[in-house]
Amino acid sequence: MLKKALSALLLCGTLFSGQYAAHAGAHDVKNPDSQLRHEADSDEIRAAAQESADTLREHHGWFSSRKPGRHA
């Protein structure tokens, strides 16, 4: 019982500390050039993730269609 309560308390503390750190403003970028580079990097990462997800989705669809007894 004590172990579960301690685990729950530790989990809540971890979640709220992450929430606090995210809102603390440690990630603010003051320089406009840095801001543009940061946004460009974020866009590149987002585009790469989307492309990877599309490829995986396409591969999964092809793989699933080849299973016996399943006709799409």
N, C-alpha and C. Protein backbone atom coordinates (compact mmCIF):
# COMPACT_ATOMS: atom_id res chain seq x y z
N MET A 1 0.83 -1.19 0.00
CA MET A 1 0.00 0.00 0.00
C MET A 1 0.88 1.25 0.00
N LEU A 2 1.88 1.26 0.87
CA LEU A 2 2.79 2.39 0.95
C LEU A 2 3.58 2.52 -0.36
N LYS A 3 3.93 1.38 -0.93
CA LYS A 3 4.68 1.38 -2.18
C LYS A 3 3.86 2.01 -3.30
N LYS A 4 2.57 1.68 -3.37
CA LYS A 4 1.69 2.23 -4.40
C LYS A 4 1.50 3.73 -4.22
N ALA A 5 1.33 4.16 -2.98
CA ALA A 5 1.15 5.59 -2.70
C ALA A 5 2.41 6.37 -3.04
N LEU A 6 3.55 5.82 -2.70
CA LEU A 6 4.82 6.47 -3.00
C LEU A 6 5.04 6.52 -4.52
N SER A 7 4.69 5.47 -5.22
CA SER A 7 4.82 5.45 -6.67
C SER A 7 3.90 6.48 -7.32
N ALA A 8 2.66 6.58 -6.84
CA ALA A 8 1.71 7.55 -7.37
C ALA A 8 2.20 8.97 -7.10
N LEU A 9 2.72 9.21 -5.91
CA LEU A 9 3.25 10.53 -5.57
C LEU A 9 4.44 10.89 -6.45
N LEU A 10 5.31 9.95 -6.66
CA LEU A 10 6.48 10.17 -7.52
C LEU A 10 6.05 10.43 -8.96
N LEU A 11 5.08 9.68 -9.45
CA LEU A 11 4.58 9.87 -10.81
C LEU A 11 3.95 11.25 -10.97
N CYS A 12 3.13 11.66 -10.03
CA CYS A 12 2.50 13.00 -10.07
C CYS A 12 3.57 14.09 -10.02
N GLY A 13 4.54 13.92 -9.18
CA GLY A 13 5.62 14.90 -9.09
C GLY A 13 6.39 15.00 -10.39
N THR A 14 6.64 13.90 -11.02
CA THR A 14 7.35 13.89 -12.30
C THR A 14 6.53 14.58 -13.38
N LEU A 15 5.25 14.27 -13.44
CA LEU A 15 4.39 14.88 -14.46
C LEU A 15 4.29 16.39 -14.27
N PHE A 16 4.10 16.83 -13.04
CA PHE A 16 3.95 18.26 -12.79
C PHE A 16 5.26 19.00 -12.95
N SER A 17 6.39 18.36 -12.67
CA SER A 17 7.67 19.05 -12.87
C SER A 17 7.91 19.27 -14.36
N GLY A 18 7.54 18.31 -15.19
CA GLY A 18 7.65 18.48 -16.64
C GLY A 18 6.73 19.57 -17.14
N GLN A 19 5.54 19.63 -16.59
CA GLN A 19 4.58 20.67 -16.96
C GLN A 19 5.12 22.05 -16.57
N TYR A 20 5.69 22.14 -15.39
CA TYR A 20 6.24 23.40 -14.92
C TYR A 20 7.42 23.83 -15.80
N ALA A 21 8.28 22.89 -16.14
CA ALA A 21 9.45 23.21 -16.97
C ALA A 21 9.02 23.68 -18.36
N ALA A 22 7.96 23.10 -18.88
CA ALA A 22 7.48 23.49 -20.20
C ALA A 22 6.93 24.90 -20.19
N HIS A 23 6.31 25.30 -19.09
CA HIS A 23 5.72 26.63 -19.00
C HIS A 23 6.68 27.67 -18.41
N ALA A 24 7.85 27.26 -18.00
CA ALA A 24 8.78 28.17 -17.36
C ALA A 24 9.39 29.15 -18.35
N GLY A 25 9.27 28.89 -19.65
CA GLY A 25 9.80 29.80 -20.65
C GLY A 25 11.27 29.58 -20.93
N ALA A 26 11.77 28.42 -20.62
CA ALA A 26 13.18 28.13 -20.87
C ALA A 26 13.46 27.97 -22.36
N HIS A 27 12.42 27.86 -23.17
CA HIS A 27 12.60 27.60 -24.59
C HIS A 27 12.33 28.85 -25.44
N ASP A 28 12.25 30.00 -24.82
CA ASP A 28 12.02 31.23 -25.57
C ASP A 28 13.25 31.60 -26.39
N VAL A 29 13.03 32.02 -27.61
CA VAL A 29 14.11 32.44 -28.48
C VAL A 29 13.96 33.94 -28.71
N LYS A 30 14.98 34.69 -28.38
CA LYS A 30 14.90 36.14 -28.46
C LYS A 30 15.34 36.67 -29.84
N ASN A 31 16.34 36.06 -30.43
CA ASN A 31 16.90 36.51 -31.69
C ASN A 31 16.00 36.08 -32.86
N PRO A 32 15.59 37.01 -33.74
CA PRO A 32 14.72 36.63 -34.87
C PRO A 32 15.35 35.59 -35.80
N ASP A 33 16.66 35.67 -36.02
CA ASP A 33 17.33 34.67 -36.87
C ASP A 33 17.25 33.28 -36.23
N SER A 34 17.48 33.24 -34.93
CA SER A 34 17.38 31.96 -34.22
C SER A 34 15.96 31.42 -34.27
N GLN A 35 14.99 32.32 -34.15
CA GLN A 35 13.58 31.91 -34.20
C GLN A 35 13.26 31.30 -35.56
N LEU A 36 13.71 31.95 -36.64
CA LEU A 36 13.45 31.43 -37.98
C LEU A 36 14.13 30.09 -38.20
N ARG A 37 15.37 29.95 -37.74
CA ARG A 37 16.07 28.67 -37.88
C ARG A 37 15.35 27.58 -37.08
N HIS A 38 14.90 27.94 -35.89
CA HIS A 38 14.19 26.98 -35.04
C HIS A 38 12.90 26.52 -35.72
N GLU A 39 12.15 27.45 -36.29
CA GLU A 39 10.91 27.09 -36.98
C GLU A 39 11.18 26.25 -38.22
N ALA A 40 12.26 26.59 -38.94
CA ALA A 40 12.61 25.81 -40.14
C ALA A 40 13.00 24.39 -39.74
N ASP A 41 13.78 24.26 -38.66
CA ASP A 41 14.16 22.93 -38.19
C ASP A 41 12.92 22.14 -37.78
N SER A 42 11.99 22.81 -37.10
CA SER A 42 10.77 22.14 -36.66
C SER A 42 9.95 21.69 -37.87
N ASP A 43 9.88 22.54 -38.90
CA ASP A 43 9.14 22.18 -40.11
C ASP A 43 9.79 20.99 -40.82
N GLU A 44 11.14 20.98 -40.86
CA GLU A 44 11.84 19.86 -41.48
C GLU A 44 11.57 18.56 -40.72
N ILE A 45 11.63 18.63 -39.42
CA ILE A 45 11.39 17.44 -38.60
C ILE A 45 9.96 16.96 -38.78
N ARG A 46 9.01 17.90 -38.80
CA ARG A 46 7.61 17.54 -38.98
C ARG A 46 7.38 16.90 -40.35
N ALA A 47 8.00 17.46 -41.39
CA ALA A 47 7.85 16.92 -42.74
C ALA A 47 8.46 15.52 -42.84
N ALA A 48 9.62 15.34 -42.23
CA ALA A 48 10.26 14.02 -42.25
C ALA A 48 9.41 13.00 -41.50
N ALA A 49 8.84 13.39 -40.39
CA ALA A 49 7.98 12.48 -39.63
C ALA A 49 6.73 12.12 -40.42
N GLN A 50 6.15 13.11 -41.09
CA GLN A 50 4.95 12.86 -41.88
C GLN A 50 5.26 11.92 -43.04
N GLU A 51 6.40 12.14 -43.70
CA GLU A 51 6.80 11.27 -44.81
C GLU A 51 7.04 9.85 -44.33
N SER A 52 7.69 9.72 -43.19
CA SER A 52 7.94 8.40 -42.63
C SER A 52 6.64 7.70 -42.26
N ALA A 53 5.70 8.45 -41.69
CA ALA A 53 4.41 7.86 -41.33
C ALA A 53 3.64 7.43 -42.57
N ASP A 54 3.69 8.23 -43.63
CA ASP A 54 3.01 7.86 -44.87
C ASP A 54 3.61 6.60 -45.47
N THR A 55 4.93 6.50 -45.46
CA THR A 55 5.61 5.31 -45.98
C THR A 55 5.24 4.08 -45.17
N LEU A 56 5.24 4.22 -43.86
CA LEU A 56 4.89 3.10 -42.99
C LEU A 56 3.44 2.69 -43.20
N ARG A 57 2.55 3.67 -43.33
CA ARG A 57 1.14 3.39 -43.56
C ARG A 57 0.95 2.64 -44.88
N GLU A 58 1.66 3.08 -45.92
CA GLU A 58 1.58 2.43 -47.22
C GLU A 58 2.10 0.99 -47.15
N HIS A 59 3.24 0.81 -46.48
CA HIS A 59 3.80 -0.52 -46.33
C HIS A 59 2.88 -1.42 -45.53
N HIS A 60 2.27 -0.88 -44.47
CA HIS A 60 1.37 -1.67 -43.65
C HIS A 60 0.13 -2.07 -44.46
N GLY A 61 -0.38 -1.16 -45.28
CA GLY A 61 -1.52 -1.48 -46.12
C GLY A 61 -1.20 -2.57 -47.11
N TRP A 62 -0.01 -2.51 -47.71
CA TRP A 62 0.40 -3.54 -48.65
C TRP A 62 0.57 -4.87 -47.93
N PHE A 63 1.20 -4.84 -46.76
CA PHE A 63 1.43 -6.06 -45.99
C PHE A 63 0.12 -6.68 -45.54
N SER A 64 -0.81 -5.84 -45.09
CA SER A 64 -2.10 -6.34 -44.61
C SER A 64 -2.92 -6.93 -45.76
N SER A 65 -2.81 -6.36 -46.94
CA SER A 65 -3.59 -6.85 -48.06
C SER A 65 -3.11 -8.22 -48.53
N ARG A 66 -1.90 -8.58 -48.17
CA ARG A 66 -1.34 -9.87 -48.60
C ARG A 66 -1.68 -10.99 -47.62
N LYS A 67 -2.32 -10.69 -46.50
CA LYS A 67 -2.70 -11.72 -45.54
C LYS A 67 -3.81 -12.58 -46.13
N PRO A 68 -3.74 -13.87 -45.91
CA PRO A 68 -4.80 -14.75 -46.44
C PRO A 68 -6.15 -14.46 -45.77
N GLY A 69 -7.20 -14.52 -46.55
CA GLY A 69 -8.54 -14.36 -46.02
C GLY A 69 -8.95 -12.91 -45.85
N ARG A 70 -8.17 -12.00 -46.37
CA ARG A 70 -8.52 -10.58 -46.25
C ARG A 70 -8.47 -9.95 -47.62
N HIS A 71 -9.59 -9.45 -48.04
CA HIS A 71 -9.66 -8.81 -49.35
C HIS A 71 -10.10 -7.37 -49.16
N ALA A 72 -9.28 -6.44 -49.63
CA ALA A 72 -9.61 -5.02 -49.47
C ALA A 72 -10.19 -4.45 -50.73
